Amino acid sequence: KSALAASEQRFRDLYNLTPAMLLSFGRDWRVIGVSDDWLSVMG
């Protein structure tokens, strides 16, 4: 892996594995990311 790819993976893991209901969306109000905790709670 390149340094950039490794950094992106660390960020993705940090976001996805944070024990909080995180949801990110774009300017068009469409979901671009959710944490594993959000998925678990919401089903």
All heavy atoms as atom14 arrays in JSON, in Angstrom:
{
  "sequence": "KSALAASEQRFRDLYNLTPAMLLSFGRDWRVIGVSDDWLSVMG",
  "atom14_mask": [
    [1, 1, 1, 1, 1, 1, 1, 1, 1, 0, 0, 0, 0, 0],
    [1, 1, 1, 1, 1, 1, 0, 0, 0, 0, 0, 0, 0, 0],
    [1, 1, 1, 1, 1, 0, 0, 0, 0, 0, 0, 0, 0, 0],
    [1, 1, 1, 1, 1, 1, 1, 1, 0, 0, 0, 0, 0, 0],
    [1, 1, 1, 1, 1, 0, 0, 0, 0, 0, 0, 0, 0, 0],
    [1, 1, 1, 1, 1, 0, 0, 0, 0, 0, 0, 0, 0, 0],
    [1, 1, 1, 1, 1, 1, 0, 0, 0, 0, 0, 0, 0, 0],
    [1, 1, 1, 1, 1, 1, 1, 1, 1, 0, 0, 0, 0, 0],
    [1, 1, 1, 1, 1, 1, 1, 1, 1, 0, 0, 0, 0, 0],
    [1, 1, 1, 1, 1, 1, 1, 1, 1, 1, 1, 0, 0, 0],
    [1, 1, 1, 1, 1, 1, 1, 1, 1, 1, 1, 0, 0, 0],
    [1, 1, 1, 1, 1, 1, 1, 1, 1, 1, 1, 0, 0, 0],
    [1, 1, 1, 1, 1, 1, 1, 1, 0, 0, 0, 0, 0, 0],
    [1, 1, 1, 1, 1, 1, 1, 1, 0, 0, 0, 0, 0, 0],
    [1, 1, 1, 1, 1, 1, 1, 1, 1, 1, 1, 1, 0, 0],
    [1, 1, 1, 1, 1, 1, 1, 1, 0, 0, 0, 0, 0, 0],
    [1, 1, 1, 1, 1, 1, 1, 1, 0, 0, 0, 0, 0, 0],
    [1, 1, 1, 1, 1, 1, 1, 0, 0, 0, 0, 0, 0, 0],
    [1, 1, 1, 1, 1, 1, 1, 0, 0, 0, 0, 0, 0, 0],
    [1, 1, 1, 1, 1, 0, 0, 0, 0, 0, 0, 0, 0, 0],
    [1, 1, 1, 1, 1, 1, 1, 1, 0, 0, 0, 0, 0, 0],
    [1, 1, 1, 1, 1, 1, 1, 1, 0, 0, 0, 0, 0, 0],
    [1, 1, 1, 1, 1, 1, 1, 1, 0, 0, 0, 0, 0, 0],
    [1, 1, 1, 1, 1, 1, 0, 0, 0, 0, 0, 0, 0, 0],
    [1, 1, 1, 1, 1, 1, 1, 1, 1, 1, 1, 0, 0, 0],
    [1, 1, 1, 1, 0, 0, 0, 0, 0, 0, 0, 0, 0, 0],
    [1, 1, 1, 1, 1, 1, 1, 1, 1, 1, 1, 0, 0, 0],
    [1, 1, 1, 1, 1, 1, 1, 1, 0, 0, 0, 0, 0, 0],
    [1, 1, 1, 1, 1, 1, 1, 1, 1, 1, 1, 1, 1, 1],
    [1, 1, 1, 1, 1, 1, 1, 1, 1, 1, 1, 0, 0, 0],
    [1, 1, 1, 1, 1, 1, 1, 0, 0, 0, 0, 0, 0, 0],
    [1, 1, 1, 1, 1, 1, 1, 1, 0, 0, 0, 0, 0, 0],
    [1, 1, 1, 1, 0, 0, 0, 0, 0, 0, 0, 0, 0, 0],
    [1, 1, 1, 1, 1, 1, 1, 0, 0, 0, 0, 0, 0, 0],
    [1, 1, 1, 1, 1, 1, 0, 0, 0, 0, 0, 0, 0, 0],
    [1, 1, 1, 1, 1, 1, 1, 1, 0, 0, 0, 0, 0, 0],
    [1, 1, 1, 1, 1, 1, 1, 1, 0, 0, 0, 0, 0, 0],
    [1, 1, 1, 1, 1, 1, 1, 1, 1, 1, 1, 1, 1, 1],
    [1, 1, 1, 1, 1, 1, 1, 1, 0, 0, 0, 0, 0, 0],
    [1, 1, 1, 1, 1, 1, 0, 0, 0, 0, 0, 0, 0, 0],
    [1, 1, 1, 1, 1, 1, 1, 0, 0, 0, 0, 0, 0, 0],
    [1, 1, 1, 1, 1, 1, 1, 1, 0, 0, 0, 0, 0, 0],
    [1, 1, 1, 1, 0, 0, 0, 0, 0, 0, 0, 0, 0, 0]
  ],
  "atom14_positions": [
    [[0.83, -1.2, 0.0], [0.0, 0.0, 0.0], [0.87, 1.25, 0.0], [1.89, 1.3, 0.66], [-0.88, 0.05, 1.24], [-2.1, -0.8, 1.19], [-2.96, -0.51, 2.39], [-4.24, -1.27, 2.34], [-5.09, -0.97, 3.47], [0.0, 0.0, 0.0], [0.0, 0.0, 0.0], [0.0, 0.0, 0.0], [0.0, 0.0, 0.0], [0.0, 0.0, 0.0]],
    [[0.38, 2.24, -0.72], [1.05, 3.54, -0.67], [0.73, 4.21, 0.67], [-0.21, 3.81, 1.37], [0.58, 4.42, -1.82], [-0.75, 4.84, -1.59], [0.0, 0.0, 0.0], [0.0, 0.0, 0.0], [0.0, 0.0, 0.0], [0.0, 0.0, 0.0], [0.0, 0.0, 0.0], [0.0, 0.0, 0.0], [0.0, 0.0, 0.0], [0.0, 0.0, 0.0]],
    [[1.5, 5.21, 1.01], [1.25, 5.95, 2.25], [-0.13, 6.57, 2.23], [-0.84, 6.58, 3.25], [2.34, 7.01, 2.46], [0.0, 0.0, 0.0], [0.0, 0.0, 0.0], [0.0, 0.0, 0.0], [0.0, 0.0, 0.0], [0.0, 0.0, 0.0], [0.0, 0.0, 0.0], [0.0, 0.0, 0.0], [0.0, 0.0, 0.0], [0.0, 0.0, 0.0]],
    [[-0.55, 7.1, 1.08], [-1.87, 7.71, 0.98], [-2.97, 6.68, 1.18], [-3.93, 6.91, 1.92], [-2.04, 8.4, -0.38], [-3.41, 9.03, -0.64], [-3.73, 10.09, 0.42], [-3.46, 9.63, -2.03], [0.0, 0.0, 0.0], [0.0, 0.0, 0.0], [0.0, 0.0, 0.0], [0.0, 0.0, 0.0], [0.0, 0.0, 0.0], [0.0, 0.0, 0.0]],
    [[-2.83, 5.52, 0.55], [-3.84, 4.46, 0.7], [-3.91, 3.99, 2.15], [-5.0, 3.76, 2.68], [-3.54, 3.3, -0.23], [0.0, 0.0, 0.0], [0.0, 0.0, 0.0], [0.0, 0.0, 0.0], [0.0, 0.0, 0.0], [0.0, 0.0, 0.0], [0.0, 0.0, 0.0], [0.0, 0.0, 0.0], [0.0, 0.0, 0.0], [0.0, 0.0, 0.0]],
    [[-2.77, 3.87, 2.8], [-2.74, 3.45, 4.2], [-3.41, 4.49, 5.09], [-4.16, 4.16, 6.01], [-1.31, 3.2, 4.65], [0.0, 0.0, 0.0], [0.0, 0.0, 0.0], [0.0, 0.0, 0.0], [0.0, 0.0, 0.0], [0.0, 0.0, 0.0], [0.0, 0.0, 0.0], [0.0, 0.0, 0.0], [0.0, 0.0, 0.0], [0.0, 0.0, 0.0]],
    [[-3.15, 5.76, 4.81], [-3.77, 6.85, 5.58], [-5.28, 6.86, 5.38], [-6.04, 7.02, 6.33], [-3.17, 8.19, 5.16], [-3.79, 9.25, 5.83], [0.0, 0.0, 0.0], [0.0, 0.0, 0.0], [0.0, 0.0, 0.0], [0.0, 0.0, 0.0], [0.0, 0.0, 0.0], [0.0, 0.0, 0.0], [0.0, 0.0, 0.0], [0.0, 0.0, 0.0]],
    [[-5.72, 6.68, 4.15], [-7.16, 6.63, 3.86], [-7.82, 5.46, 4.59], [-8.92, 5.6, 5.13], [-7.4, 6.52, 2.36], [-7.09, 7.8, 1.61], [-7.19, 7.64, 0.1], [-7.22, 6.49, -0.4], [-7.21, 8.67, -0.58], [0.0, 0.0, 0.0], [0.0, 0.0, 0.0], [0.0, 0.0, 0.0], [0.0, 0.0, 0.0], [0.0, 0.0, 0.0]],
    [[-7.16, 4.32, 4.64], [-7.71, 3.16, 5.32], [-7.8, 3.41, 6.82], [-8.79, 3.06, 7.46], [-6.86, 1.91, 5.05], [-7.47, 0.66, 5.64], [-8.83, 0.33, 5.05], [-8.98, 0.27, 3.83], [-9.83, 0.12, 5.9], [0.0, 0.0, 0.0], [0.0, 0.0, 0.0], [0.0, 0.0, 0.0], [0.0, 0.0, 0.0], [0.0, 0.0, 0.0]],
    [[-6.79, 4.06, 7.4], [-6.85, 4.38, 8.83], [-8.02, 5.31, 9.13], [-8.74, 5.13, 10.1], [-5.53, 5.02, 9.3], [-4.43, 4.03, 9.56], [-3.24, 4.66, 10.27], [-2.67, 5.81, 9.6], [-1.76, 5.75, 8.61], [-1.31, 4.58, 8.21], [-1.3, 6.84, 8.07], [0.0, 0.0, 0.0], [0.0, 0.0, 0.0], [0.0, 0.0, 0.0]],
    [[-8.21, 6.33, 8.29], [-9.33, 7.26, 8.47], [-10.66, 6.52, 8.35], [-11.56, 6.7, 9.17], [-9.27, 8.4, 7.46], [-10.47, 9.28, 7.52], [-10.59, 10.25, 8.5], [-11.51, 9.14, 6.61], [-11.72, 11.05, 8.58], [-12.64, 9.94, 6.67], [-12.74, 10.9, 7.67], [0.0, 0.0, 0.0], [0.0, 0.0, 0.0], [0.0, 0.0, 0.0]],
    [[-10.79, 5.67, 7.33], [-12.03, 4.92, 7.12], [-12.3, 4.01, 8.33], [-13.43, 3.94, 8.82], [-11.92, 4.1, 5.83], [-13.19, 3.51, 5.34], [-13.11, 2.88, 3.94], [-11.83, 2.69, 3.33], [-11.24, 3.55, 2.5], [-11.84, 4.68, 2.19], [-10.06, 3.29, 1.98], [0.0, 0.0, 0.0], [0.0, 0.0, 0.0], [0.0, 0.0, 0.0]],
    [[-11.27, 3.33, 8.82], [-11.44, 2.47, 10.0], [-11.83, 3.28, 11.23], [-12.71, 2.87, 11.99], [-10.16, 1.69, 10.29], [-9.88, 0.6, 9.27], [-10.79, 0.25, 8.48], [-8.73, 0.11, 9.25], [0.0, 0.0, 0.0], [0.0, 0.0, 0.0], [0.0, 0.0, 0.0], [0.0, 0.0, 0.0], [0.0, 0.0, 0.0], [0.0, 0.0, 0.0]],
    [[-11.19, 4.42, 11.43], [-11.51, 5.28, 12.57], [-12.97, 5.71, 12.52], [-13.7, 5.63, 13.5], [-10.6, 6.5, 12.6], [-10.86, 7.53, 13.69], [-10.63, 6.92, 15.06], [-9.97, 8.75, 13.49], [0.0, 0.0, 0.0], [0.0, 0.0, 0.0], [0.0, 0.0, 0.0], [0.0, 0.0, 0.0], [0.0, 0.0, 0.0], [0.0, 0.0, 0.0]],
    [[-13.42, 6.15, 11.35], [-14.81, 6.58, 11.17], [-15.77, 5.41, 11.38], [-16.71, 5.49, 12.18], [-14.98, 7.18, 9.77], [-16.36, 7.74, 9.51], [-16.64, 9.07, 9.77], [-17.37, 6.95, 8.99], [-17.9, 9.59, 9.53], [-18.64, 7.46, 8.75], [-18.9, 8.78, 9.02], [-20.15, 9.29, 8.78], [0.0, 0.0, 0.0], [0.0, 0.0, 0.0]],
    [[-15.53, 4.31, 10.68], [-16.46, 3.18, 10.72], [-16.52, 2.51, 12.09], [-17.57, 2.04, 12.49], [-16.09, 2.14, 9.66], [-16.39, 2.62, 8.26], [-17.18, 3.53, 8.05], [-15.74, 2.02, 7.29], [0.0, 0.0, 0.0], [0.0, 0.0, 0.0], [0.0, 0.0, 0.0], [0.0, 0.0, 0.0], [0.0, 0.0, 0.0], [0.0, 0.0, 0.0]],
    [[-15.41, 2.46, 12.79], [-15.34, 1.72, 14.05], [-15.57, 2.58, 15.28], [-15.61, 2.05, 16.4], [-13.99, 0.99, 14.14], [-13.73, -0.02, 13.02], [-12.33, -0.58, 13.13], [-14.77, -1.12, 13.0], [0.0, 0.0, 0.0], [0.0, 0.0, 0.0], [0.0, 0.0, 0.0], [0.0, 0.0, 0.0], [0.0, 0.0, 0.0], [0.0, 0.0, 0.0]],
    [[-15.74, 3.88, 15.12], [-16.03, 4.74, 16.26], [-17.35, 4.31, 16.89], [-18.35, 4.15, 16.19], [-16.12, 6.21, 15.82], [-14.83, 6.62, 15.37], [-16.57, 7.12, 16.93], [0.0, 0.0, 0.0], [0.0, 0.0, 0.0], [0.0, 0.0, 0.0], [0.0, 0.0, 0.0], [0.0, 0.0, 0.0], [0.0, 0.0, 0.0], [0.0, 0.0, 0.0]],
    [[-17.39, 4.12, 18.21], [-18.62, 3.66, 18.86], [-19.62, 4.81, 19.04], [-19.98, 5.2, 20.14], [-18.13, 3.11, 20.2], [-16.9, 3.9, 20.48], [-16.28, 4.19, 19.14], [0.0, 0.0, 0.0], [0.0, 0.0, 0.0], [0.0, 0.0, 0.0], [0.0, 0.0, 0.0], [0.0, 0.0, 0.0], [0.0, 0.0, 0.0], [0.0, 0.0, 0.0]],
    [[-20.06, 5.35, 17.91], [-21.05, 6.43, 17.89], [-21.81, 6.33, 16.58], [-21.31, 5.79, 15.59], [-20.36, 7.79, 17.98], [0.0, 0.0, 0.0], [0.0, 0.0, 0.0], [0.0, 0.0, 0.0], [0.0, 0.0, 0.0], [0.0, 0.0, 0.0], [0.0, 0.0, 0.0], [0.0, 0.0, 0.0], [0.0, 0.0, 0.0], [0.0, 0.0, 0.0]],
    [[-23.02, 6.85, 16.58], [-23.85, 6.82, 15.37], [-23.47, 7.99, 14.46], [-24.05, 9.06, 14.52], [-25.32, 6.86, 15.75], [-25.8, 5.61, 16.43], [-27.55, 5.66, 16.83], [-28.29, 5.72, 15.2], [0.0, 0.0, 0.0], [0.0, 0.0, 0.0], [0.0, 0.0, 0.0], [0.0, 0.0, 0.0], [0.0, 0.0, 0.0], [0.0, 0.0, 0.0]],
    [[-22.48, 7.75, 13.6], [-22.02, 8.78, 12.67], [-22.67, 8.59, 11.32], [-22.77, 7.47, 10.81], [-20.5, 8.7, 12.51], [-19.66, 8.8, 13.77], [-18.19, 8.65, 13.44], [-19.93, 10.1, 14.5], [0.0, 0.0, 0.0], [0.0, 0.0, 0.0], [0.0, 0.0, 0.0], [0.0, 0.0, 0.0], [0.0, 0.0, 0.0], [0.0, 0.0, 0.0]],
    [[-23.12, 9.69, 10.73], [-23.69, 9.69, 9.39], [-23.2, 10.94, 8.69], [-23.31, 12.04, 9.25], [-25.22, 9.67, 9.46], [-25.93, 9.68, 8.12], [-27.1, 8.7, 8.15], [-26.43, 11.06, 7.77], [0.0, 0.0, 0.0], [0.0, 0.0, 0.0], [0.0, 0.0, 0.0], [0.0, 0.0, 0.0], [0.0, 0.0, 0.0], [0.0, 0.0, 0.0]],
    [[-22.64, 10.78, 7.52], [-22.16, 11.92, 6.74], [-22.94, 11.99, 5.43], [-23.3, 10.96, 4.86], [-20.67, 11.75, 6.41], [-19.9, 11.66, 7.58], [0.0, 0.0, 0.0], [0.0, 0.0, 0.0], [0.0, 0.0, 0.0], [0.0, 0.0, 0.0], [0.0, 0.0, 0.0], [0.0, 0.0, 0.0], [0.0, 0.0, 0.0], [0.0, 0.0, 0.0]],
    [[-23.19, 13.21, 4.99], [-23.94, 13.38, 3.75], [-23.35, 14.51, 2.94], [-22.67, 15.38, 3.46], [-25.43, 13.62, 4.01], [-25.7, 14.73, 4.99], [-25.87, 16.04, 4.54], [-25.8, 14.49, 6.35], [-26.12, 17.07, 5.44], [-26.05, 15.5, 7.26], [-26.2, 16.79, 6.79], [0.0, 0.0, 0.0], [0.0, 0.0, 0.0], [0.0, 0.0, 0.0]],
    [[-23.62, 14.48, 1.64], [-23.12, 15.51, 0.73], [-24.09, 16.67, 0.62], [-25.15, 16.69, 1.25], [0.0, 0.0, 0.0], [0.0, 0.0, 0.0], [0.0, 0.0, 0.0], [0.0, 0.0, 0.0], [0.0, 0.0, 0.0], [0.0, 0.0, 0.0], [0.0, 0.0, 0.0], [0.0, 0.0, 0.0], [0.0, 0.0, 0.0], [0.0, 0.0, 0.0]],
    [[-23.73, 17.62, -0.22], [-24.56, 18.81, -0.41], [-25.93, 18.48, -0.99], [-26.86, 19.26, -0.87], [-23.85, 19.82, -1.31], [-22.62, 20.39, -0.61], [-22.13, 21.68, -1.2], [-23.1, 22.7, -1.49], [-23.61, 23.56, -0.6], [-23.25, 23.5, 0.66], [-24.46, 24.48, -0.98], [0.0, 0.0, 0.0], [0.0, 0.0, 0.0], [0.0, 0.0, 0.0]],
    [[-26.06, 17.33, -1.6], [-27.35, 16.9, -2.15], [-28.17, 16.11, -1.14], [-29.19, 15.52, -1.48], [-27.14, 16.09, -3.42], [-26.36, 14.8, -3.18], [-25.88, 14.57, -2.04], [-26.21, 14.03, -4.15], [0.0, 0.0, 0.0], [0.0, 0.0, 0.0], [0.0, 0.0, 0.0], [0.0, 0.0, 0.0], [0.0, 0.0, 0.0], [0.0, 0.0, 0.0]],
    [[-27.72, 16.08, 0.11], [-28.39, 15.4, 1.22], [-28.39, 13.88, 1.09], [-29.16, 13.2, 1.72], [-29.83, 15.92, 1.42], [-29.89, 17.4, 1.51], [-30.4, 18.26, 0.59], [-29.39, 18.23, 2.56], [-30.26, 19.56, 1.0], [-29.63, 19.57, 2.21], [-28.75, 17.97, 3.77], [-29.28, 20.64, 3.02], [-28.39, 19.04, 4.58], [-28.66, 20.35, 4.19]],
    [[-27.49, 13.35, 0.28], [-27.37, 11.91, 0.12], [-26.24, 11.39, 1.0], [-25.19, 12.02, 1.12], [-27.15, 11.54, -1.34], [-28.32, 12.01, -2.19], [-28.57, 11.15, -3.39], [-29.82, 11.57, -4.02], [-31.01, 11.04, -3.74], [-31.12, 10.07, -2.87], [-32.1, 11.48, -4.33], [0.0, 0.0, 0.0], [0.0, 0.0, 0.0], [0.0, 0.0, 0.0]],
    [[-26.47, 10.24, 1.61], [-25.52, 9.66, 2.55], [-24.25, 9.23, 1.82], [-24.31, 8.54, 0.79], [-26.14, 8.45, 3.27], [-25.13, 7.78, 4.2], [-27.4, 8.87, 4.04], [0.0, 0.0, 0.0], [0.0, 0.0, 0.0], [0.0, 0.0, 0.0], [0.0, 0.0, 0.0], [0.0, 0.0, 0.0], [0.0, 0.0, 0.0], [0.0, 0.0, 0.0]],
    [[-23.11, 9.66, 2.36], [-21.82, 9.27, 1.8], [-21.02, 8.4, 2.77], [-20.02, 7.8, 2.38], [-20.99, 10.49, 1.36], [-20.74, 11.44, 2.52], [-21.67, 11.21, 0.2], [-19.81, 12.61, 2.2], [0.0, 0.0, 0.0], [0.0, 0.0, 0.0], [0.0, 0.0, 0.0], [0.0, 0.0, 0.0], [0.0, 0.0, 0.0], [0.0, 0.0, 0.0]],
    [[-21.46, 8.32, 4.03], [-20.77, 7.48, 4.99], [-21.58, 7.28, 6.25], [-22.32, 8.17, 6.66], [0.0, 0.0, 0.0], [0.0, 0.0, 0.0], [0.0, 0.0, 0.0], [0.0, 0.0, 0.0], [0.0, 0.0, 0.0], [0.0, 0.0, 0.0], [0.0, 0.0, 0.0], [0.0, 0.0, 0.0], [0.0, 0.0, 0.0], [0.0, 0.0, 0.0]],
    [[-21.46, 6.1, 6.83], [-22.08, 5.79, 8.12], [-21.14, 4.9, 8.91], [-20.4, 4.1, 8.34], [-23.45, 5.08, 7.97], [-24.5, 6.0, 7.4], [-23.35, 3.83, 7.15], [0.0, 0.0, 0.0], [0.0, 0.0, 0.0], [0.0, 0.0, 0.0], [0.0, 0.0, 0.0], [0.0, 0.0, 0.0], [0.0, 0.0, 0.0], [0.0, 0.0, 0.0]],
    [[-21.19, 5.04, 10.22], [-20.36, 4.19, 11.07], [-21.02, 2.83, 11.27], [-22.23, 2.67, 11.08], [-20.14, 4.87, 12.43], [-21.36, 4.99, 13.12], [0.0, 0.0, 0.0], [0.0, 0.0, 0.0], [0.0, 0.0, 0.0], [0.0, 0.0, 0.0], [0.0, 0.0, 0.0], [0.0, 0.0, 0.0], [0.0, 0.0, 0.0], [0.0, 0.0, 0.0]],
    [[-20.2, 1.87, 11.68], [-20.74, 0.54, 11.97], [-21.78, 0.6, 13.08], [-22.77, -0.13, 13.04], [-19.61, -0.41, 12.38], [-18.64, -0.72, 11.24], [-18.94, -0.36, 10.07], [-17.6, -1.32, 11.52], [0.0, 0.0, 0.0], [0.0, 0.0, 0.0], [0.0, 0.0, 0.0], [0.0, 0.0, 0.0], [0.0, 0.0, 0.0], [0.0, 0.0, 0.0]],
    [[-21.58, 1.49, 14.06], [-22.53, 1.63, 15.15], [-23.88, 2.11, 14.62], [-24.93, 1.61, 15.03], [-21.97, 2.61, 16.2], [-22.7, 2.52, 17.53], [-22.82, 1.41, 18.07], [-23.15, 3.57, 18.01], [0.0, 0.0, 0.0], [0.0, 0.0, 0.0], [0.0, 0.0, 0.0], [0.0, 0.0, 0.0], [0.0, 0.0, 0.0], [0.0, 0.0, 0.0]],
    [[-23.89, 3.08, 13.72], [-25.13, 3.56, 13.11], [-25.84, 2.4, 12.42], [-27.06, 2.22, 12.58], [-24.83, 4.69, 12.11], [-26.04, 5.41, 11.61], [-26.55, 6.57, 12.08], [-26.9, 5.01, 10.53], [-27.68, 6.92, 11.37], [-27.91, 5.97, 10.41], [-26.91, 3.93, 9.66], [-28.92, 5.9, 9.46], [-27.92, 3.84, 8.71], [-28.91, 4.82, 8.62]],
    [[-25.1, 1.62, 11.65], [-25.69, 0.49, 10.94], [-26.29, -0.52, 11.9], [-27.4, -1.02, 11.69], [-24.64, -0.18, 10.06], [-24.11, 0.66, 8.9], [-22.9, -0.01, 8.27], [-25.19, 0.92, 7.86], [0.0, 0.0, 0.0], [0.0, 0.0, 0.0], [0.0, 0.0, 0.0], [0.0, 0.0, 0.0], [0.0, 0.0, 0.0], [0.0, 0.0, 0.0]],
    [[-25.58, -0.81, 12.97], [-26.05, -1.78, 13.95], [-27.34, -1.31, 14.63], [-28.32, -2.07, 14.73], [-24.97, -2.01, 15.0], [-25.42, -2.88, 16.0], [0.0, 0.0, 0.0], [0.0, 0.0, 0.0], [0.0, 0.0, 0.0], [0.0, 0.0, 0.0], [0.0, 0.0, 0.0], [0.0, 0.0, 0.0], [0.0, 0.0, 0.0], [0.0, 0.0, 0.0]],
    [[-27.37, -0.08, 15.06], [-28.55, 0.46, 15.75], [-29.75, 0.56, 14.8], [-30.88, 0.22, 15.15], [-28.24, 1.84, 16.38], [-29.51, 2.53, 16.86], [-27.24, 1.69, 17.53], [0.0, 0.0, 0.0], [0.0, 0.0, 0.0], [0.0, 0.0, 0.0], [0.0, 0.0, 0.0], [0.0, 0.0, 0.0], [0.0, 0.0, 0.0], [0.0, 0.0, 0.0]],
    [[-29.48, 1.0, 13.58], [-30.57, 1.23, 12.62], [-30.99, -0.04, 11.87], [-32.05, -0.08, 11.26], [-30.17, 2.31, 11.63], [-29.93, 3.68, 12.27], [-31.4, 4.38, 13.03], [-32.33, 4.85, 11.56], [0.0, 0.0, 0.0], [0.0, 0.0, 0.0], [0.0, 0.0, 0.0], [0.0, 0.0, 0.0], [0.0, 0.0, 0.0], [0.0, 0.0, 0.0]],
    [[-30.15, -1.07, 11.89], [-30.52, -2.34, 11.26], [-30.33, -2.39, 9.75], [-31.06, -3.11, 9.07], [0.0, 0.0, 0.0], [0.0, 0.0, 0.0], [0.0, 0.0, 0.0], [0.0, 0.0, 0.0], [0.0, 0.0, 0.0], [0.0, 0.0, 0.0], [0.0, 0.0, 0.0], [0.0, 0.0, 0.0], [0.0, 0.0, 0.0], [0.0, 0.0, 0.0]]
  ]
}
